[in-house]
Amino acid sequence: FYAFLSVKLRRRRWKLKTAAVYIRVSTDDQTEYSPDAQLREVKKYAAAHGLTIDEKHIYIDDGISGRKTKKRTAFNKMIGIAKTEPKPFDVILLWKSSRFARNRVDSVVYKAMLRQQLGIDVISITEDFGNGKMSMLFEAQIEAWDEFYSINLAEDVKNGMTEKASRGEFQTAPPLGYSKLPGQPLQIVEDEAKYIRSIFDQYLAGMSFFAIAGKLNAMGFRTKRGNKIESRTVEYILNNPIYKGYVRWTPSGKTVGSRIYNSPDTIVRRSDHEPIIPEERFDKASRRLAAARERKASRGRPAEMKKHYLS
């Protein structure tokens, strides 16, 4: 009996802890620390430290920023599973703490929940923070540097894109009507460009956004992602100077998504690609768009004259 009890106690004492793995890369060009490379290093660490990695608890966010958790599908799934009972794993292994988050608030909140409420530790295999009270200070310093790096990198990228825009260089995904190869200007895709010309022709003939979208959908025309054409798609195309041979860039943010096509800091420069719409025809459509906006604004009443605060 005593021999049996001794074996049971030894097995319980030396029971391997189960580990989950979280991997994140921000961009496709991080080949040095690709998901496979990160996982390989984490598995080496686990084997050396008596940890068992459960294959169904390997979570990977590829090409996702660490600034926010909203779009990090694998991260959110991991946190959700961590809250289930019985506890699915004992630790979460990371290649570096920056993979977990580049935002100090998110890092502190999620790590505190995992460690204090769920009893799940978060370990960076390349950064030894130690186990003493100073470990909190070291970890906080690393988190602050990670956030600083992220903010500074974002500013450098924005400044670089602004400089490219000021030179008339195109730097985003090609819009409808164009394709682009690395190091080359935009090239017209005739199968799409004919519909772009049709949009301008129909609008200048007096058709509405809604009517144009309906006609294009009936003809089988779709967006780059295969979606149906909407009124706002037509509006965006009519307001996009790319079709007359220019590039547009707004450093302050994505105003186009809010149907704001020109901000005080918007940069519009002539580019080296071939236009689909002649400049004078594009400008004629722009004048009609501006007149329509003015008419719409003149019909609106000041807020203090509205009948109801929800009207």
Protein backbone atom coordinates (compact mmCIF):
# COMPACT_ATOMS: atom_id res chain seq x y z
CA PHE A 1 0.00 0.00 0.00
CA TYR A 2 2.76 2.44 0.94
CA ALA A 3 4.68 1.62 -2.23
CA PHE A 4 1.52 2.23 -4.30
CA LEU A 5 0.88 5.57 -2.52
CA SER A 6 4.48 6.65 -3.06
CA VAL A 7 4.21 6.03 -6.82
CA LYS A 8 0.92 7.99 -7.00
CA LEU A 9 2.43 10.95 -5.16
CA ARG A 10 5.51 10.99 -7.40
CA ARG A 11 3.33 10.89 -10.53
CA ARG A 12 1.18 13.75 -9.26
CA ARG A 13 4.25 15.79 -8.32
CA TRP A 14 5.93 15.33 -11.68
CA LYS A 15 2.83 15.55 -13.85
CA LEU A 16 3.70 17.47 -17.01
CA LYS A 17 2.03 20.83 -17.39
CA THR A 18 0.00 21.38 -20.53
CA ALA A 19 0.96 24.37 -22.63
CA ALA A 20 -0.87 26.40 -25.24
CA VAL A 21 1.09 28.37 -27.84
CA TYR A 22 0.25 31.80 -29.20
CA ILE A 23 1.99 32.99 -32.37
CA ARG A 24 1.59 36.27 -34.18
CA VAL A 25 3.35 37.90 -37.12
CA SER A 26 2.50 41.41 -38.23
CA THR A 27 3.50 41.26 -41.89
CA ASP A 28 4.33 38.67 -44.54
CA ASP A 29 7.96 39.82 -44.79
CA GLN A 30 8.87 38.68 -41.27
CA THR A 31 10.37 35.51 -42.69
CA GLU A 32 13.01 35.35 -39.94
CA TYR A 33 10.29 34.90 -37.32
CA SER A 34 7.61 33.18 -39.36
CA PRO A 35 4.88 31.17 -37.60
CA ASP A 36 6.81 27.95 -38.30
CA ALA A 37 10.03 29.41 -36.90
CA GLN A 38 8.30 30.67 -33.76
CA LEU A 39 6.58 27.32 -33.20
CA ARG A 40 9.85 25.46 -33.67
CA GLU A 41 11.57 27.53 -30.97
CA VAL A 42 8.61 27.24 -28.60
CA LYS A 43 8.59 23.44 -28.95
CA LYS A 44 12.31 23.32 -28.09
CA TYR A 45 11.63 25.37 -24.97
CA ALA A 46 8.70 23.16 -23.96
CA ALA A 47 10.75 19.97 -24.34
CA ALA A 48 13.57 21.43 -22.24
CA HIS A 49 11.23 22.58 -19.46
CA GLY A 50 8.95 19.58 -19.10
CA LEU A 51 5.92 21.11 -20.79
CA THR A 52 3.50 19.25 -23.05
CA ILE A 53 2.10 21.25 -25.97
CA ASP A 54 -1.45 20.31 -26.91
CA GLU A 55 -1.66 20.59 -30.71
CA LYS A 56 -5.27 21.76 -30.59
CA HIS A 57 -4.15 24.71 -28.47
CA ILE A 58 -1.76 26.28 -30.97
CA TYR A 59 -3.19 29.66 -31.92
CA ILE A 60 -1.80 31.67 -34.85
CA ASP A 61 -2.64 35.19 -36.03
CA ASP A 62 -0.80 35.72 -39.30
CA GLY A 63 -0.39 39.24 -40.69
CA ILE A 64 -2.20 40.89 -37.76
CA SER A 65 -1.10 43.95 -35.77
CA GLY A 66 -0.67 43.61 -32.03
CA ARG A 67 -1.93 47.12 -31.27
CA LYS A 68 -5.54 45.97 -30.80
CA THR A 69 -7.22 42.65 -30.04
CA LYS A 70 -10.42 43.27 -32.00
CA LYS A 71 -9.26 41.63 -35.25
CA ARG A 72 -7.02 38.98 -33.67
CA THR A 73 -9.31 35.99 -34.17
CA ALA A 74 -6.94 33.33 -32.82
CA PHE A 75 -6.05 35.42 -29.75
CA ASN A 76 -9.71 35.97 -28.86
CA LYS A 77 -10.44 32.27 -29.36
CA MET A 78 -7.55 31.35 -27.04
CA ILE A 79 -8.78 33.72 -24.31
CA GLY A 80 -12.31 32.35 -24.63
CA ILE A 81 -11.13 28.74 -24.33
CA ALA A 82 -8.88 29.65 -21.38
CA LYS A 83 -12.01 30.61 -19.41
CA THR A 84 -13.61 27.17 -19.79
CA GLU A 85 -13.61 24.45 -17.12
CA PRO A 86 -11.77 22.29 -16.47
CA LYS A 87 -8.70 24.43 -17.17
CA PRO A 88 -7.61 23.54 -20.74
CA PHE A 89 -3.92 24.40 -20.24
CA ASP A 90 -1.54 25.58 -17.53
CA VAL A 91 0.65 28.05 -19.44
CA ILE A 92 0.68 30.05 -22.66
CA LEU A 93 4.04 30.09 -24.42
CA LEU A 94 5.13 33.02 -26.58
CA TRP A 95 8.22 33.52 -28.70
CA LYS A 96 8.41 37.12 -27.37
CA SER A 97 6.11 39.16 -25.15
CA SER A 98 5.45 41.53 -28.08
CA ARG A 99 3.63 38.65 -29.80
CA PHE A 100 1.02 38.74 -27.01
CA ALA A 101 0.33 42.48 -27.34
CA ARG A 102 1.93 45.78 -28.32
CA ASN A 103 -0.50 47.65 -26.11
CA ARG A 104 0.27 47.96 -22.38
CA VAL A 105 -3.39 48.12 -21.35
CA ASP A 106 -4.29 44.91 -23.23
CA SER A 107 -1.16 43.17 -21.98
CA VAL A 108 -1.80 44.03 -18.31
CA VAL A 109 -5.54 43.26 -18.42
CA TYR A 110 -5.29 39.89 -20.18
CA LYS A 111 -2.23 38.69 -18.28
CA ALA A 112 -3.80 39.64 -14.95
CA MET A 113 -6.98 37.76 -15.83
CA LEU A 114 -5.09 34.68 -16.99
CA ARG A 115 -2.71 34.55 -14.03
CA GLN A 116 -4.86 35.72 -11.13
CA GLN A 117 -8.32 34.50 -12.09
CA LEU A 118 -7.59 31.42 -14.20
CA GLY A 119 -4.21 30.28 -12.86
CA ILE A 120 -2.66 30.28 -16.33
CA ASP A 121 0.84 31.71 -16.66
CA VAL A 122 2.09 33.58 -19.72
CA ILE A 123 5.73 32.86 -20.58
CA SER A 124 8.00 34.53 -23.12
CA ILE A 125 10.62 31.96 -24.04
CA THR A 126 13.22 34.56 -25.11
CA GLU A 127 12.79 36.98 -22.20
CA ASP A 128 13.55 35.79 -18.68
CA PHE A 129 11.77 38.13 -16.28
CA GLY A 130 12.57 35.96 -13.25
CA ASN A 131 10.21 35.04 -10.44
CA GLY A 132 10.88 37.72 -7.83
CA LYS A 133 9.14 41.01 -7.20
CA MET A 134 11.49 42.72 -9.68
CA SER A 135 10.05 40.57 -12.46
CA MET A 136 6.96 42.81 -12.58
CA LEU A 137 9.17 45.83 -13.21
CA PHE A 138 11.17 44.09 -15.95
CA GLU A 139 8.02 42.86 -17.67
CA ALA A 140 6.40 46.31 -17.49
CA GLN A 141 9.51 47.89 -19.04
CA ILE A 142 9.46 45.40 -21.92
CA GLU A 143 5.74 46.05 -22.50
CA ALA A 144 6.34 49.81 -22.56
CA TRP A 145 9.16 49.43 -25.09
CA ASP A 146 6.97 47.17 -27.24
CA GLU A 147 4.22 49.78 -27.33
CA PHE A 148 6.71 52.57 -28.04
CA TYR A 149 8.20 50.56 -30.91
CA SER A 150 4.77 49.96 -32.40
CA ILE A 151 3.75 53.63 -32.20
CA ASN A 152 7.09 54.80 -33.57
CA LEU A 153 6.97 52.28 -36.43
CA ALA A 154 3.44 53.38 -37.34
CA GLU A 155 4.59 57.01 -37.49
CA ASP A 156 7.60 56.10 -39.64
CA VAL A 157 5.38 54.13 -42.04
CA LYS A 158 2.88 56.99 -42.28
CA ASN A 159 5.66 59.51 -42.93
CA GLY A 160 7.12 57.25 -45.61
CA MET A 161 3.74 56.82 -47.31
CA THR A 162 3.14 60.57 -47.18
CA GLU A 163 6.50 61.19 -48.85
CA LYS A 164 5.71 58.63 -51.57
CA ALA A 165 2.31 60.22 -52.16
CA SER A 166 3.91 63.66 -52.51
CA ARG A 167 5.99 62.19 -55.36
CA GLY A 168 2.88 60.77 -57.04
CA GLU A 169 3.68 57.14 -56.21
CA PHE A 170 0.84 54.65 -55.78
CA GLN A 171 1.15 52.54 -52.60
CA THR A 172 -2.04 50.61 -51.83
CA ALA A 173 -3.99 47.75 -53.40
CA PRO A 174 -4.95 48.53 -57.02
CA PRO A 175 -8.58 49.68 -57.42
CA LEU A 176 -11.14 48.40 -59.89
CA GLY A 177 -9.87 48.91 -63.42
CA TYR A 178 -6.19 48.45 -62.59
CA SER A 179 -3.60 45.84 -61.68
CA LYS A 180 -0.07 46.35 -60.41
CA LEU A 181 3.19 44.44 -60.44
CA PRO A 182 6.00 45.27 -57.95
CA GLY A 183 8.14 48.18 -59.11
CA GLN A 184 5.82 49.05 -62.00
CA PRO A 185 3.06 51.64 -62.44
CA LEU A 186 -0.61 50.71 -62.46
CA GLN A 187 -1.76 48.84 -65.56
CA ILE A 188 -5.28 49.13 -66.98
CA VAL A 189 -7.41 45.96 -66.81
CA GLU A 190 -9.68 46.48 -69.80
CA ASP A 191 -12.35 44.00 -68.65
CA GLU A 192 -12.86 46.19 -65.57
CA ALA A 193 -12.02 49.57 -67.10
CA LYS A 194 -14.97 49.41 -69.52
CA TYR A 195 -17.33 49.37 -66.53
CA ILE A 196 -15.52 52.34 -64.96
CA ARG A 197 -16.07 54.31 -68.17
CA SER A 198 -19.70 53.19 -68.16
CA ILE A 199 -20.16 54.54 -64.61
CA PHE A 200 -18.94 57.99 -65.62
CA ASP A 201 -21.02 57.96 -68.80
CA GLN A 202 -24.20 57.01 -66.95
CA TYR A 203 -23.65 59.50 -64.15
CA LEU A 204 -23.04 62.37 -66.57
CA ALA A 205 -26.19 61.28 -68.40
CA GLY A 206 -28.15 61.96 -65.20
CA MET A 207 -28.43 58.52 -63.57
CA SER A 208 -28.27 58.13 -59.78
CA PHE A 209 -25.75 56.04 -57.83
CA PHE A 210 -28.48 53.52 -57.02
CA ALA A 211 -29.61 53.15 -60.63
CA ILE A 212 -26.04 52.76 -61.89
CA ALA A 213 -25.27 50.11 -59.25
CA GLY A 214 -28.39 48.16 -60.17
CA LYS A 215 -27.53 48.20 -63.85
CA LEU A 216 -23.95 47.04 -63.22
CA ASN A 217 -25.11 44.19 -61.00
CA ALA A 218 -27.59 43.10 -63.67
CA MET A 219 -24.68 42.99 -66.13
CA GLY A 220 -22.74 40.71 -63.76
CA PHE A 221 -20.07 43.23 -62.76
CA ARG A 222 -18.52 42.68 -59.31
CA THR A 223 -15.91 44.28 -57.05
CA LYS A 224 -12.35 42.99 -56.67
CA ARG A 225 -13.57 40.81 -53.81
CA GLY A 226 -16.49 39.43 -55.81
CA ASN A 227 -19.17 41.47 -54.03
CA LYS A 228 -22.09 43.21 -55.66
CA ILE A 229 -21.81 46.87 -56.59
CA GLU A 230 -23.47 49.24 -54.11
CA SER A 231 -24.40 52.91 -54.37
CA ARG A 232 -21.39 53.84 -52.23
CA THR A 233 -19.14 51.85 -54.60
CA VAL A 234 -20.30 54.03 -57.49
CA GLU A 235 -19.84 57.17 -55.38
CA TYR A 236 -16.32 56.14 -54.42
CA ILE A 237 -15.32 55.48 -58.04
CA LEU A 238 -16.67 58.85 -59.19
CA ASN A 239 -14.66 60.57 -56.44
CA ASN A 240 -11.41 58.66 -56.95
CA PRO A 241 -8.80 60.76 -58.85
CA ILE A 242 -6.86 57.58 -59.66
CA TYR A 243 -9.07 57.27 -62.75
CA LYS A 244 -7.81 60.56 -64.18
CA GLY A 245 -4.15 59.72 -63.55
CA TYR A 246 -3.63 61.07 -60.02
CA VAL A 247 -2.99 59.51 -56.58
CA ARG A 248 -4.68 60.57 -53.34
CA TRP A 249 -3.41 60.10 -49.79
CA THR A 250 -4.73 61.42 -46.47
CA PRO A 251 -2.13 61.05 -43.66
CA SER A 252 -4.62 61.81 -40.88
CA GLY A 253 -6.70 58.70 -41.41
CA LYS A 254 -9.12 56.64 -43.51
CA THR A 255 -11.61 59.38 -44.27
CA VAL A 256 -12.82 57.71 -47.47
CA GLY A 257 -14.63 55.10 -45.39
CA SER A 258 -16.72 57.94 -43.96
CA ARG A 259 -17.36 59.32 -47.47
CA ILE A 260 -15.02 62.24 -46.84
CA TYR A 261 -12.95 62.42 -50.00
CA ASN A 262 -10.98 65.57 -49.27
CA SER A 263 -9.55 66.65 -45.91
CA PRO A 264 -7.31 69.66 -45.22
CA ASP A 265 -4.26 67.38 -45.30
CA THR A 266 -5.30 65.28 -48.33
CA ILE A 267 -2.52 65.00 -50.91
CA VAL A 268 -3.49 64.69 -54.59
CA ARG A 269 -0.61 64.38 -57.08
CA ARG A 270 -0.29 63.44 -60.73
CA SER A 271 1.05 59.91 -61.13
CA ASP A 272 2.77 58.01 -63.93
CA HIS A 273 -0.05 55.57 -64.71
CA GLU A 274 -2.39 55.77 -67.68
CA PRO A 275 -5.79 57.30 -66.83
CA ILE A 276 -9.01 55.46 -67.62
CA ILE A 277 -11.09 58.67 -67.70
CA PRO A 278 -9.87 61.86 -69.43
CA GLU A 279 -9.18 64.58 -66.86
CA GLU A 280 -11.73 67.05 -68.23
CA ARG A 281 -14.45 64.39 -68.18
CA PHE A 282 -13.54 63.38 -64.61
CA ASP A 283 -13.65 67.03 -63.52
CA LYS A 284 -17.06 67.44 -65.18
CA ALA A 285 -18.39 64.58 -63.06
CA SER A 286 -16.75 66.16 -60.00
CA ARG A 287 -18.61 69.43 -60.62
CA ARG A 288 -21.91 67.54 -60.78
CA LEU A 289 -21.06 65.73 -57.54
CA ALA A 290 -20.25 69.04 -55.84
CA ALA A 291 -23.52 70.60 -57.04
CA ALA A 292 -25.46 67.59 -55.72
CA ARG A 293 -23.79 67.96 -52.32
CA GLU A 294 -24.67 71.64 -52.19
CA ARG A 295 -28.31 70.94 -53.02
CA LYS A 296 -28.46 68.28 -50.34
CA ALA A 297 -26.90 70.62 -47.77
CA SER A 298 -29.30 73.45 -48.60
CA ARG A 299 -32.31 71.19 -47.93
CA GLY A 300 -31.12 70.34 -44.43
CA ARG A 301 -32.38 72.39 -41.50
CA PRO A 302 -30.27 73.65 -38.59
CA ALA A 303 -30.41 71.37 -35.54
CA GLU A 304 -32.27 73.95 -33.45
CA MET A 305 -35.13 74.02 -36.02
CA LYS A 306 -35.73 70.25 -36.07
CA LYS A 307 -39.08 69.12 -34.69
CA HIS A 308 -37.61 66.37 -32.52
CA TYR A 309 -34.15 65.65 -31.20
CA LEU A 310 -34.18 62.24 -32.92
CA SER A 311 -35.34 63.57 -36.30
